[in-house]
Amino acid sequence: MSGPAFFQTYMGQRFYETTMPQLVRQLGRLNDNLERLVAVAEQLPGQKESSSGEPVQPTTTAGTEEP
């Protein structure tokens, strides 16, 4: 492979100096938001928890038929 290495190019410098730090910041924000969402969900009364990671099925409602 000839030419400069990726980090030596303009796009490589921009990636390492701008894109990656922004990506890390956004992942941090996502983690903070998920933690807050979990805390709120845990405070909701009467919610069933699913230990298997699968969504909790709603209880049957009037007017629906079971297969």
Protein backbone atom coordinates (compact mmCIF):
# COMPACT_ATOMS: atom_id res chain seq x y z
CA MET A 1 0.00 0.00 0.00
CA SER A 2 1.51 3.30 -1.03
CA GLY A 3 0.88 6.79 0.21
CA PRO A 4 0.49 8.22 3.68
CA ALA A 5 -1.03 6.27 6.54
CA PHE A 6 -4.63 7.07 7.43
CA PHE A 7 -3.68 9.13 10.50
CA GLN A 8 -1.44 11.27 8.31
CA THR A 9 -4.25 12.30 5.96
CA TYR A 10 -6.64 15.20 6.50
CA MET A 11 -9.56 12.80 6.88
CA GLY A 12 -7.58 10.66 9.33
CA GLN A 13 -6.63 13.65 11.45
CA ARG A 14 -10.24 14.84 11.47
CA PHE A 15 -11.39 11.34 12.44
CA TYR A 16 -9.00 11.06 15.39
CA GLU A 17 -9.25 14.68 16.55
CA THR A 18 -12.97 15.34 16.07
CA THR A 19 -15.07 12.30 15.20
CA MET A 20 -13.72 9.89 17.83
CA PRO A 21 -13.95 12.34 20.77
CA GLN A 22 -17.51 13.24 19.73
CA LEU A 23 -18.39 9.56 19.47
CA VAL A 24 -17.04 8.92 22.98
CA ARG A 25 -19.02 11.89 24.36
CA GLN A 26 -22.21 10.67 22.71
CA LEU A 27 -21.72 7.15 24.07
CA GLY A 28 -21.32 8.66 27.53
CA ARG A 29 -24.54 10.62 27.09
CA LEU A 30 -26.32 7.48 25.88
CA ASN A 31 -25.14 5.58 28.94
CA ASP A 32 -26.32 8.37 31.26
CA ASN A 33 -29.72 8.46 29.57
CA LEU A 34 -30.09 4.68 29.81
CA GLU A 35 -29.25 4.78 33.51
CA ARG A 36 -31.92 7.44 34.09
CA LEU A 37 -34.44 5.46 32.03
CA VAL A 38 -33.78 2.32 34.05
CA ALA A 39 -34.12 4.27 37.31
CA VAL A 40 -37.49 5.68 36.20
CA ALA A 41 -38.69 2.27 34.98
CA GLU A 42 -37.78 0.71 38.32
CA GLN A 43 -39.88 3.31 40.13
CA LEU A 44 -43.03 2.61 38.12
CA PRO A 45 -45.50 0.71 40.29
CA GLY A 46 -47.06 -2.56 39.20
CA GLN A 47 -44.61 -3.30 36.42
CA LYS A 48 -43.57 -6.91 35.86
CA GLU A 49 -39.88 -7.48 35.43
CA SER A 50 -38.54 -9.89 32.87
CA SER A 51 -35.36 -11.54 34.09
CA SER A 52 -34.67 -13.17 30.73
CA GLY A 53 -34.33 -9.88 28.87
CA GLU A 54 -37.43 -10.59 26.81
CA PRO A 55 -40.28 -8.08 26.71
CA VAL A 56 -43.06 -8.61 29.21
CA GLN A 57 -46.25 -9.70 27.48
CA PRO A 58 -49.28 -7.54 28.28
CA THR A 59 -52.20 -9.12 30.07
CA THR A 60 -55.16 -10.09 27.90
CA THR A 61 -57.54 -7.27 27.19
CA ALA A 62 -61.26 -7.38 26.63
CA GLY A 63 -62.29 -7.94 23.04
CA THR A 64 -59.19 -9.81 21.90
CA GLU A 65 -59.06 -13.45 21.02
CA GLU A 66 -56.31 -15.85 21.91
CA PRO A 67 -54.94 -18.00 19.04
